[in-house]
Amino acid sequence: MLKFYYNGIKVDGGKLEKCHYSSGPYTRESGLTDDTISITARDYLRFSPAVQEAFVVVNKTDTGSDIFDKDRIRVSPSHTLYAQVKAAYEAQRAKRIAQQSTRKI
């Protein structure tokens, strides 16, 4: 079972797979709606097989040409886990807003 946190995903209570969330606007050419949420792995680590089973994971790493990419997932509103992903995204946004409000300039 996947559980989504503001800073990552856990599979069956295991180790936190660190990631961050973002959302649109996307270009018209991408075909994504603005309420699509992107999940990007942190530290160039790959998502676990359980996460890869639940989503389409894209990684365009090409070691032959020394191009390294992070795992990326796009979650559309029609996905069965969208509500949980959106809750984690909103929690991340709230945490960032709280941190920014306490910073002194």
PDB file of N, CA and C in Angstrom:
ATOM      1  N   MET A   1       0.837  -1.178   0.000  1.00  0.00           N
ATOM      2  CA  MET A   1       0.000   0.000   0.000  1.00  0.00           C
ATOM      3  C   MET A   1       0.886   1.248   0.000  1.00  0.00           C
ATOM      4  N   LEU A   2       0.550   2.189  -0.848  1.00  0.00           N
ATOM      5  CA  LEU A   2       1.310   3.435  -0.934  1.00  0.00           C
ATOM      6  C   LEU A   2       0.709   4.482  -0.016  1.00  0.00           C
ATOM      7  N   LYS A   3       1.595   5.206   0.668  1.00  0.00           N
ATOM      8  CA  LYS A   3       1.162   6.323   1.500  1.00  0.00           C
ATOM      9  C   LYS A   3       1.993   7.535   1.100  1.00  0.00           C
ATOM     10  N   PHE A   4       1.297   8.653   0.858  1.00  0.00           N
ATOM     11  CA  PHE A   4       1.934   9.854   0.352  1.00  0.00           C
ATOM     12  C   PHE A   4       2.118  10.874   1.468  1.00  0.00           C
ATOM     13  N   TYR A   5       3.316  11.409   1.565  1.00  0.00           N
ATOM     14  CA  TYR A   5       3.667  12.432   2.549  1.00  0.00           C
ATOM     15  C   TYR A   5       4.109  13.681   1.795  1.00  0.00           C
ATOM     16  N   TYR A   6       4.206  14.794   2.490  1.00  0.00           N
ATOM     17  CA  TYR A   6       4.596  16.050   1.838  1.00  0.00           C
ATOM     18  C   TYR A   6       5.991  15.960   1.207  1.00  0.00           C
ATOM     19  N   ASN A   7       6.825  15.039   1.696  1.00  0.00           N
ATOM     20  CA  ASN A   7       8.202  14.954   1.218  1.00  0.00           C
ATOM     21  C   ASN A   7       8.565  13.600   0.601  1.00  0.00           C
ATOM     22  N   GLY A   8       7.565  12.741   0.393  1.00  0.00           N
ATOM     23  CA  GLY A   8       7.892  11.458  -0.201  1.00  0.00           C
ATOM     24  C   GLY A   8       6.752  10.456  -0.164  1.00  0.00           C
ATOM     25  N   ILE A   9       7.096   9.237  -0.528  1.00  0.00           N
ATOM     26  CA  ILE A   9       6.141   8.137  -0.608  1.00  0.00           C
ATOM     27  C   ILE A   9       6.698   6.967   0.181  1.00  0.00           C
ATOM     28  N   LYS A  10       5.829   6.296   0.931  1.00  0.00           N
ATOM     29  CA  LYS A  10       6.219   5.067   1.622  1.00  0.00           C
ATOM     30  C   LYS A  10       5.397   3.909   1.069  1.00  0.00           C
ATOM     31  N   VAL A  11       6.058   2.770   0.922  1.00  0.00           N
ATOM     32  CA  VAL A  11       5.397   1.555   0.477  1.00  0.00           C
ATOM     33  C   VAL A  11       5.323   0.613   1.657  1.00  0.00           C
ATOM     34  N   ASP A  12       4.115   0.259   2.074  1.00  0.00           N
ATOM     35  CA  ASP A  12       3.896  -0.671   3.187  1.00  0.00           C
ATOM     36  C   ASP A  12       4.692  -0.294   4.439  1.00  0.00           C
ATOM     37  N   GLY A  13       4.751   0.988   4.755  1.00  0.00           N
ATOM     38  CA  GLY A  13       5.436   1.447   5.956  1.00  0.00           C
ATOM     39  C   GLY A  13       6.949   1.379   5.887  1.00  0.00           C
ATOM     40  N   GLY A  14       7.494   1.149   4.717  1.00  0.00           N
ATOM     41  CA  GLY A  14       8.953   1.047   4.543  1.00  0.00           C
ATOM     42  C   GLY A  14       9.636   2.398   4.551  1.00  0.00           C
ATOM     43  N   LYS A  15      10.814   2.406   3.974  1.00  0.00           N
ATOM     44  CA  LYS A  15      11.631   3.617   3.910  1.00  0.00           C
ATOM     45  C   LYS A  15      10.972   4.684   3.022  1.00  0.00           C
ATOM     46  N   LEU A  16      11.107   5.938   3.424  1.00  0.00           N
ATOM     47  CA  LEU A  16      10.558   7.053   2.667  1.00  0.00           C
ATOM     48  C   LEU A  16      11.322   7.221   1.357  1.00  0.00           C
ATOM     49  N   GLU A  17      10.604   7.211   0.245  1.00  0.00           N
ATOM     50  CA  GLU A  17      11.185   7.490  -1.062  1.00  0.00           C
ATOM     51  C   GLU A  17      10.979   8.979  -1.299  1.00  0.00           C
ATOM     52  N   LYS A  18      12.035   9.741  -1.136  1.00  0.00           N
ATOM     53  CA  LYS A  18      11.923  11.202  -1.182  1.00  0.00           C
ATOM     54  C   LYS A  18      11.564  11.692  -2.573  1.00  0.00           C
ATOM     55  N   CYS A  19      10.672  12.681  -2.592  1.00  0.00           N
ATOM     56  CA  CYS A  19      10.248  13.269  -3.845  1.00  0.00           C
ATOM     57  C   CYS A  19       9.689  14.663  -3.576  1.00  0.00           C
ATOM     58  N   HIS A  20       9.405  15.375  -4.643  1.00  0.00           N
ATOM     59  CA  HIS A  20       8.671  16.629  -4.503  1.00  0.00           C
ATOM     60  C   HIS A  20       7.570  16.664  -5.552  1.00  0.00           C
ATOM     61  N   TYR A  21       6.577  17.483  -5.271  1.00  0.00           N
ATOM     62  CA  TYR A  21       5.372  17.569  -6.081  1.00  0.00           C
ATOM     63  C   TYR A  21       5.304  18.942  -6.746  1.00  0.00           C
ATOM     64  N   SER A  22       4.721  18.987  -7.926  1.00  0.00           N
ATOM     65  CA  SER A  22       4.477  20.260  -8.607  1.00  0.00           C
ATOM     66  C   SER A  22       3.247  20.093  -9.489  1.00  0.00           C
ATOM     67  N   SER A  23       2.714  21.229  -9.938  1.00  0.00           N
ATOM     68  CA  SER A  23       1.574  21.162 -10.849  1.00  0.00           C
ATOM     69  C   SER A  23       1.716  22.242 -11.905  1.00  0.00           C
ATOM     70  N   GLY A  24       0.799  22.238 -12.894  1.00  0.00           N
ATOM     71  CA  GLY A  24       0.806  23.123 -14.050  1.00  0.00           C
ATOM     72  C   GLY A  24       1.150  24.559 -13.714  1.00  0.00           C
ATOM     73  N   PRO A  25       1.110  25.446 -14.641  1.00  0.00           N
ATOM     74  CA  PRO A  25       0.566  25.224 -15.976  1.00  0.00           C
ATOM     75  C   PRO A  25       1.541  24.474 -16.885  1.00  0.00           C
ATOM     76  N   TYR A  26       0.975  23.676 -17.762  1.00  0.00           N
ATOM     77  CA  TYR A  26       1.752  22.923 -18.732  1.00  0.00           C
ATOM     78  C   TYR A  26       1.507  23.514 -20.117  1.00  0.00           C
ATOM     79  N   THR A  27       2.394  23.240 -21.032  1.00  0.00           N
ATOM     80  CA  THR A  27       2.197  23.728 -22.392  1.00  0.00           C
ATOM     81  C   THR A  27       1.044  22.981 -23.056  1.00  0.00           C
ATOM     82  N   ARG A  28       0.408  23.606 -23.995  1.00  0.00           N
ATOM     83  CA  ARG A  28      -0.692  22.979 -24.720  1.00  0.00           C
ATOM     84  C   ARG A  28      -0.209  21.702 -25.423  1.00  0.00           C
ATOM     85  N   GLU A  29       1.014  21.730 -25.897  1.00  0.00           N
ATOM     86  CA  GLU A  29       1.565  20.591 -26.630  1.00  0.00           C
ATOM     87  C   GLU A  29       1.719  19.351 -25.753  1.00  0.00           C
ATOM     88  N   SER A  30       1.868  19.538 -24.456  1.00  0.00           N
ATOM     89  CA  SER A  30       2.064  18.388 -23.567  1.00  0.00           C
ATOM     90  C   SER A  30       0.799  17.551 -23.439  1.00  0.00           C
ATOM     91  N   GLY A  31      -0.349  18.191 -23.653  1.00  0.00           N
ATOM     92  CA  GLY A  31      -1.610  17.472 -23.517  1.00  0.00           C
ATOM     93  C   GLY A  31      -2.049  17.282 -22.070  1.00  0.00           C
ATOM     94  N   LEU A  32      -1.324  17.886 -21.129  1.00  0.00           N
ATOM     95  CA  LEU A  32      -1.654  17.754 -19.710  1.00  0.00           C
ATOM     96  C   LEU A  32      -2.554  18.903 -19.268  1.00  0.00           C
ATOM     97  N   THR A  33      -3.499  18.601 -18.405  1.00  0.00           N
ATOM     98  CA  THR A  33      -4.335  19.650 -17.840  1.00  0.00           C
ATOM     99  C   THR A  33      -3.591  20.295 -16.680  1.00  0.00           C
ATOM    100  N   ASP A  34      -3.962  21.531 -16.346  1.00  0.00           N
ATOM    101  CA  ASP A  34      -3.251  22.260 -15.287  1.00  0.00           C
ATOM    102  C   ASP A  34      -3.420  21.641 -13.910  1.00  0.00           C
ATOM    103  N   ASP A  35      -4.406  20.775 -13.717  1.00  0.00           N
ATOM    104  CA  ASP A  35      -4.560  20.129 -12.416  1.00  0.00           C
ATOM    105  C   ASP A  35      -3.807  18.800 -12.326  1.00  0.00           C
ATOM    106  N   THR A  36      -3.051  18.465 -13.366  1.00  0.00           N
ATOM    107  CA  THR A  36      -2.167  17.300 -13.309  1.00  0.00           C
ATOM    108  C   THR A  36      -1.040  17.602 -12.328  1.00  0.00           C
ATOM    109  N   ILE A  37      -0.713  16.632 -11.488  1.00  0.00           N
ATOM    110  CA  ILE A  37       0.357  16.795 -10.500  1.00  0.00           C
ATOM    111  C   ILE A  37       1.552  15.948 -10.926  1.00  0.00           C
ATOM    112  N   SER A  38       2.730  16.543 -10.879  1.00  0.00           N
ATOM    113  CA  SER A  38       3.968  15.828 -11.190  1.00  0.00           C
ATOM    114  C   SER A  38       4.648  15.427  -9.893  1.00  0.00           C
ATOM    115  N   ILE A  39       5.180  14.221  -9.870  1.00  0.00           N
ATOM    116  CA  ILE A  39       5.976  13.735  -8.749  1.00  0.00           C
ATOM    117  C   ILE A  39       7.370  13.481  -9.296  1.00  0.00           C
ATOM    118  N   THR A  40       8.376  14.097  -8.696  1.00  0.00           N
ATOM    119  CA  THR A  40       9.755  13.949  -9.159  1.00  0.00           C
ATOM    120  C   THR A  40      10.606  13.381  -8.035  1.00  0.00           C
ATOM    121  N   ALA A  41      11.324  12.298  -8.335  1.00  0.00           N
ATOM    122  CA  ALA A  41      12.214  11.682  -7.349  1.00  0.00           C
ATOM    123  C   ALA A  41      13.341  12.637  -7.011  1.00  0.00           C
ATOM    124  N   ARG A  42      13.811  12.557  -5.781  1.00  0.00           N
ATOM    125  CA  ARG A  42      14.941  13.389  -5.368  1.00  0.00           C
ATOM    126  C   ARG A  42      16.225  12.583  -5.408  1.00  0.00           C
ATOM    127  N   ASP A  43      17.314  13.279  -5.535  1.00  0.00           N
ATOM    128  CA  ASP A  43      18.664  12.698  -5.452  1.00  0.00           C
ATOM    129  C   ASP A  43      18.956  11.651  -6.528  1.00  0.00           C
ATOM    130  N   TYR A  44      18.284  11.708  -7.666  1.00  0.00           N
ATOM    131  CA  TYR A  44      18.499  10.799  -8.790  1.00  0.00           C
ATOM    132  C   TYR A  44      18.298   9.332  -8.422  1.00  0.00           C
ATOM    133  N   LEU A  45      17.511   9.058  -7.393  1.00  0.00           N
ATOM    134  CA  LEU A  45      17.192   7.682  -7.035  1.00  0.00           C
ATOM    135  C   LEU A  45      15.962   7.230  -7.812  1.00  0.00           C
ATOM    136  N   ARG A  46      15.876   5.945  -8.095  1.00  0.00           N
ATOM    137  CA  ARG A  46      14.732   5.396  -8.821  1.00  0.00           C
ATOM    138  C   ARG A  46      13.615   5.055  -7.839  1.00  0.00           C
ATOM    139  N   PHE A  47      12.378   5.203  -8.294  1.00  0.00           N
ATOM    140  CA  PHE A  47      11.253   4.786  -7.470  1.00  0.00           C
ATOM    141  C   PHE A  47      11.224   3.262  -7.388  1.00  0.00           C
ATOM    142  N   SER A  48      10.694   2.754  -6.292  1.00  0.00           N
ATOM    143  CA  SER A  48      10.619   1.313  -6.064  1.00  0.00           C
ATOM    144  C   SER A  48       9.672   0.647  -7.064  1.00  0.00           C
ATOM    145  N   PRO A  49       9.780  -0.676  -7.203  1.00  0.00           N
ATOM    146  CA  PRO A  49       8.877  -1.393  -8.110  1.00  0.00           C
ATOM    147  C   PRO A  49       7.391  -1.180  -7.770  1.00  0.00           C
ATOM    148  N   ALA A  50       7.051  -1.061  -6.492  1.00  0.00           N
ATOM    149  CA  ALA A  50       5.648  -0.854  -6.117  1.00  0.00           C
ATOM    150  C   ALA A  50       5.130   0.487  -6.625  1.00  0.00           C
ATOM    151  N   VAL A  51       5.943   1.526  -6.553  1.00  0.00           N
ATOM    152  CA  VAL A  51       5.548   2.837  -7.070  1.00  0.00           C
ATOM    153  C   VAL A  51       5.459   2.766  -8.592  1.00  0.00           C
ATOM    154  N   GLN A  52       6.410   2.090  -9.224  1.00  0.00           N
ATOM    155  CA  GLN A  52       6.408   1.970 -10.676  1.00  0.00           C
ATOM    156  C   GLN A  52       5.210   1.170 -11.185  1.00  0.00           C
ATOM    157  N   GLU A  53       4.690   0.254 -10.365  1.00  0.00           N
ATOM    158  CA  GLU A  53       3.491  -0.498 -10.740  1.00  0.00           C
ATOM    159  C   GLU A  53       2.244   0.373 -10.720  1.00  0.00           C
ATOM    160  N   ALA A  54       2.203   1.319  -9.779  1.00  0.00           N
ATOM    161  CA  ALA A  54       1.010   2.145  -9.590  1.00  0.00           C
ATOM    162  C   ALA A  54       0.922   3.299 -10.581  1.00  0.00           C
ATOM    163  N   PHE A  55       2.051   3.700 -11.152  1.00  0.00           N
ATOM    164  CA  PHE A  55       2.101   4.869 -12.035  1.00  0.00           C
ATOM    165  C   PHE A  55       2.952   4.575 -13.265  1.00  0.00           C
ATOM    166  N   VAL A  56       2.846   5.452 -14.247  1.00  0.00           N
ATOM    167  CA  VAL A  56       3.773   5.430 -15.385  1.00  0.00           C
ATOM    168  C   VAL A  56       4.943   6.322 -14.983  1.00  0.00           C
ATOM    169  N   VAL A  57       6.110   5.729 -14.842  1.00  0.00           N
ATOM    170  CA  VAL A  57       7.308   6.468 -14.436  1.00  0.00           C
ATOM    171  C   VAL A  57       8.165   6.710 -15.675  1.00  0.00           C
ATOM    172  N   VAL A  58       8.569   7.964 -15.873  1.00  0.00           N
ATOM    173  CA  VAL A  58       9.405   8.332 -17.015  1.00  0.00           C
ATOM    174  C   VAL A  58      10.773   8.760 -16.502  1.00  0.00           C
ATOM    175  N   ASN A  59      11.811   8.250 -17.142  1.00  0.00           N
ATOM    176  CA  ASN A  59      13.176   8.635 -16.815  1.00  0.00           C
ATOM    177  C   ASN A  59      13.962   8.598 -18.120  1.00  0.00           C
ATOM    178  N   LYS A  60      14.471   9.738 -18.545  1.00  0.00           N
ATOM    179  CA  LYS A  60      15.156   9.839 -19.832  1.00  0.00           C
ATOM    180  C   LYS A  60      16.676   9.846 -19.687  1.00  0.00           C
ATOM    181  N   THR A  61      17.187   9.127 -18.698  1.00  0.00           N
ATOM    182  CA  THR A  61      18.630   9.034 -18.515  1.00  0.00           C
ATOM    183  C   THR A  61      19.263   8.340 -19.722  1.00  0.00           C
ATOM    184  N   ASP A  62      20.381   8.876 -20.164  1.00  0.00           N
ATOM    185  CA  ASP A  62      21.149   8.289 -21.258  1.00  0.00           C
ATOM    186  C   ASP A  62      22.620   8.316 -20.839  1.00  0.00           C
ATOM    187  N   THR A  63      23.071   7.219 -20.246  1.00  0.00           N
ATOM    188  CA  THR A  63      24.447   7.191 -19.739  1.00  0.00           C
ATOM    189  C   THR A  63      25.471   7.256 -20.862  1.00  0.00           C
ATOM    190  N   GLY A  64      25.086   6.858 -22.062  1.00  0.00           N
ATOM    191  CA  GLY A  64      26.008   6.924 -23.199  1.00  0.00           C
ATOM    192  C   GLY A  64      26.400   8.352 -23.541  1.00  0.00           C
ATOM    193  N   SER A  65      25.487   9.280 -23.349  1.00  0.00           N
ATOM    194  CA  SER A  65      25.794  10.678 -23.646  1.00  0.00           C
ATOM    195  C   SER A  65      25.903  11.516 -22.370  1.00  0.00           C
ATOM    196  N   ASP A  66      25.979  10.834 -21.218  1.00  0.00           N
ATOM    197  CA  ASP A  66      26.174  11.511 -19.923  1.00  0.00           C
ATOM    198  C   ASP A  66      25.022  12.447 -19.555  1.00  0.00           C
ATOM    199  N   ILE A  67      23.802  12.049 -19.905  1.00  0.00           N
ATOM    200  CA  ILE A  67      22.617  12.811 -19.523  1.00  0.00           C
ATOM    201  C   ILE A  67      21.892  12.021 -18.435  1.00  0.00           C
ATOM    202  N   PHE A  68      21.678  12.657 -17.299  1.00  0.00           N
ATOM    203  CA  PHE A  68      21.038  11.985 -16.175  1.00  0.00           C
ATOM    204  C   PHE A  68      19.728  12.692 -15.846  1.00  0.00           C
ATOM    205  N   ASP A  69      18.688  11.917 -15.667  1.00  0.00           N
ATOM    206  CA  ASP A  69      17.354  12.435 -15.401  1.00  0.00           C
ATOM    207  C   ASP A  69      16.825  11.804 -14.114  1.00  0.00           C
ATOM    208  N   LYS A  70      15.843  12.438 -13.529  1.00  0.00           N
ATOM    209  CA  LYS A  70      15.185  11.909 -12.340  1.00  0.00           C
ATOM    210  C   LYS A  70      13.884  11.234 -12.762  1.00  0.00           C
ATOM    211  N   ASP A  71      13.471  10.214 -11.992  1.00  0.00           N
ATOM    212  CA  ASP A  71      12.176   9.600 -12.245  1.00  0.00           C
ATOM    213  C   ASP A  71      11.095  10.665 -12.118  1.00  0.00           C
ATOM    214  N   ARG A  72      10.144  10.647 -13.041  1.00  0.00           N
ATOM    215  CA  ARG A  72       9.044  11.618 -13.011  1.00  0.00           C
ATOM    216  C   ARG A  72       7.733  10.893 -13.287  1.00  0.00           C
ATOM    217  N   ILE A  73       6.727  11.276 -12.525  1.00  0.00           N
ATOM    218  CA  ILE A  73       5.385  10.711 -12.661  1.00  0.00           C
ATOM    219  C   ILE A  73       4.420  11.856 -12.896  1.00  0.00           C
ATOM    220  N   ARG A  74       3.479  11.677 -13.801  1.00  0.00           N
ATOM    221  CA  ARG A  74       2.400  12.648 -14.007  1.00  0.00           C
ATOM    222  C   ARG A  74       1.105  11.980 -13.541  1.00  0.00           C
ATOM    223  N   VAL A  75       0.402  12.624 -12.630  1.00  0.00           N
ATOM    224  CA  VAL A  75      -0.827  12.051 -12.076  1.00  0.00           C
ATOM    225  C   VAL A  75      -2.000  12.941 -12.495  1.00  0.00           C
ATOM    226  N   SER A  76      -2.871  12.400 -13.316  1.00  0.00           N
ATOM    227  CA  SER A  76      -4.037  13.159 -13.778  1.00  0.00           C
ATOM    228  C   SER A  76      -5.200  12.935 -12.811  1.00  0.00           C
ATOM    229  N   PRO A  77      -6.182  13.826 -12.836  1.00  0.00           N
ATOM    230  CA  PRO A  77      -7.328  13.697 -11.941  1.00  0.00           C
ATOM    231  C   PRO A  77      -8.088  12.380 -12.089  1.00  0.00           C
ATOM    232  N   SER A  78      -7.955  11.712 -13.208  1.00  0.00           N
ATOM    233  CA  SER A  78      -8.654  10.442 -13.405  1.00  0.00           C
ATOM    234  C   SER A  78      -7.960   9.251 -12.739  1.00  0.00           C
ATOM    235  N   HIS A  79      -6.739   9.426 -12.246  1.00  0.00           N
ATOM    236  CA  HIS A  79      -5.995   8.338 -11.610  1.00  0.00           C
ATOM    237  C   HIS A  79      -6.617   8.016 -10.247  1.00  0.00           C
ATOM    238  N   THR A  80      -6.658   6.750  -9.907  1.00  0.00           N
ATOM    239  CA  THR A  80      -7.288   6.328  -8.648  1.00  0.00           C
ATOM    240  C   THR A  80      -6.591   6.874  -7.406  1.00  0.00           C
ATOM    241  N   LEU A  81      -5.310   7.217  -7.493  1.00  0.00           N
ATOM    242  CA  LEU A  81      -4.571   7.740  -6.336  1.00  0.00           C
ATOM    243  C   LEU A  81      -4.456   9.264  -6.352  1.00  0.00           C
ATOM    244  N   TYR A  82      -5.151   9.904  -7.271  1.00  0.00           N
ATOM    245  CA  TYR A  82      -5.032  11.357  -7.405  1.00  0.00           C
ATOM    246  C   TYR A  82      -5.349  12.100  -6.100  1.00  0.00           C
ATOM    247  N   ALA A  83      -6.402  11.715  -5.408  1.00  0.00           N
ATOM    248  CA  ALA A  83      -6.795  12.422  -4.175  1.00  0.00           C
ATOM    249  C   ALA A  83      -5.683  12.372  -3.133  1.00  0.00           C
ATOM    250  N   GLN A  84      -5.032  11.221  -2.974  1.00  0.00           N
ATOM    251  CA  GLN A  84      -3.937  11.106  -2.009  1.00  0.00           C
ATOM    252  C   GLN A  84      -2.720  11.921  -2.447  1.00  0.00           C
ATOM    253  N   VAL A  85      -2.427  11.889  -3.743  1.00  0.00           N
ATOM    254  CA  VAL A  85      -1.298  12.669  -4.277  1.00  0.00           C
ATOM    255  C   VAL A  85      -1.574  14.158  -4.101  1.00  0.00           C
ATOM    256  N   LYS A  86      -2.797  14.576  -4.380  1.00  0.00           N
ATOM    257  CA  LYS A  86      -3.149  15.989  -4.237  1.00  0.00           C
ATOM    258  C   LYS A  86      -3.046  16.439  -2.783  1.00  0.00           C
ATOM    259  N   ALA A  87      -3.446  15.586  -1.839  1.00  0.00           N
ATOM    260  CA  ALA A  87      -3.329  15.921  -0.412  1.00  0.00           C
ATOM    261  C   ALA A  87      -1.867  16.119  -0.022  1.00  0.00           C
ATOM    262  N   ALA A  88      -0.976  15.256  -0.539  1.00  0.00           N
ATOM    263  CA  ALA A  88       0.455  15.400  -0.255  1.00  0.00           C
ATOM    264  C   ALA A  88       1.004  16.674  -0.890  1.00  0.00           C
ATOM    265  N   TYR A  89       0.563  16.980  -2.103  1.00  0.00           N
ATOM    266  CA  TYR A  89       0.978  18.204  -2.787  1.00  0.00           C
ATOM    267  C   TYR A  89       0.539  19.432  -1.993  1.00  0.00           C
ATOM    268  N   GLU A  90      -0.701  19.434  -1.524  1.00  0.00           N
ATOM    269  CA  GLU A  90      -1.204  20.558  -0.724  1.00  0.00           C
ATOM    270  C   GLU A  90      -0.449  20.676   0.599  1.00  0.00           C
ATOM    271  N   ALA A  91      -0.101  19.558   1.212  1.00  0.00           N
ATOM    272  CA  ALA A  91       0.684  19.588   2.456  1.00  0.00           C
ATOM    273  C   ALA A  91       2.067  20.166   2.205  1.00  0.00           C
ATOM    274  N   GLN A  92       2.680  19.812   1.076  1.00  0.00           N
ATOM    275  CA  GLN A  92       3.988  20.369   0.717  1.00  0.00           C
ATOM    276  C   GLN A  92       3.880  21.880   0.519  1.00  0.00           C
ATOM    277  N   ARG A  93       2.843  22.322  -0.194  1.00  0.00           N
ATOM    278  CA  ARG A  93       2.647  23.761  -0.422  1.00  0.00           C
ATOM    279  C   ARG A  93       2.453  24.500   0.901  1.00  0.00           C
ATOM    280  N   ALA A  94       1.658  23.942   1.794  1.00  0.00           N
ATOM    281  CA  ALA A  94       1.414  24.581   3.094  1.00  0.00           C
ATOM    282  C   ALA A  94       2.709  24.693   3.888  1.00  0.00           C
ATOM    283  N   LYS A  95       3.516  23.648   3.855  1.00  0.00           N
ATOM    284  CA  LYS A  95       4.789  23.668   4.578  1.00  0.00           C
ATOM    285  C   LYS A  95       5.722  24.741   4.002  1.00  0.00           C
ATOM    286  N   ARG A  96       5.771  24.847   2.685  1.00  0.00           N
ATOM    287  CA  ARG A  96       6.630  25.860   2.057  1.00  0.00           C
ATOM    288  C   ARG A  96       6.151  27.275   2.387  1.00  0.00           C
ATOM    289  N   ILE A  97       4.849  27.492   2.359  1.00  0.00           N
ATOM    290  CA  ILE A  97       4.303  28.806   2.695  1.00  0.00           C
ATOM    291  C   ILE A  97       4.625  29.160   4.139  1.00  0.00           C
ATOM    292  N   ALA A  98       4.492  28.204   5.049  1.00  0.00           N
ATOM    293  CA  ALA A  98       4.807  28.431   6.458  1.00  0.00           C
ATOM    294  C   ALA A  98       6.288  28.762   6.624  1.00  0.00           C
ATOM    295  N   GLN A  99       7.148  28.053   5.919  1.00  0.00           N
ATOM    296  CA  GLN A  99       8.591  28.325   6.010  1.00  0.00           C
ATOM    297  C   GLN A  99       8.916  29.710   5.469  1.00  0.00           C
ATOM    298  N   GLN A 100       8.293  30.092   4.370  1.00  0.00           N
ATOM    299  CA  GLN A 100       8.563  31.404   3.781  1.00  0.00           C
ATOM    300  C   GLN A 100       8.087  32.530   4.664  1.00  0.00           C
ATOM    301  N   SER A 101       6.995  32.314   5.377  1.00  0.00           N
ATOM    302  CA  SER A 101       6.466  33.377   6.233  1.00  0.00           C
ATOM    303  C   SER A 101       7.342  33.614   7.465  1.00  0.00           C
ATOM    304  N   THR A 102       8.153  32.631   7.831  1.00  0.00           N
ATOM    305  CA  THR A 102       9.015  32.805   9.012  1.00  0.00           C
ATOM    306  C   THR A 102      10.404  33.336   8.653  1.00  0.00           C
ATOM    307  N   ARG A 103      10.716  33.367   7.358  1.00  0.00           N
ATOM    308  CA  ARG A 103      12.022  33.874   6.934  1.00  0.00           C
ATOM    309  C   ARG A 103      12.077  35.391   7.059  1.00  0.00           C
ATOM    310  N   LYS A 104      13.214  35.854   7.507  1.00  0.00           N
ATOM    311  CA  LYS A 104      13.423  37.297   7.591  1.00  0.00           C
ATOM    312  C   LYS A 104      14.249  37.736   6.386  1.00  0.00           C
ATOM    313  N   ILE A 105      13.899  38.857   5.856  1.00  0.00           N
ATOM    314  CA  ILE A 105      14.623  39.374   4.673  1.00  0.00           C
ATOM    315  C   ILE A 105      15.653  40.384   5.107  1.00  0.00           C
TER     316      ILE A 105
END
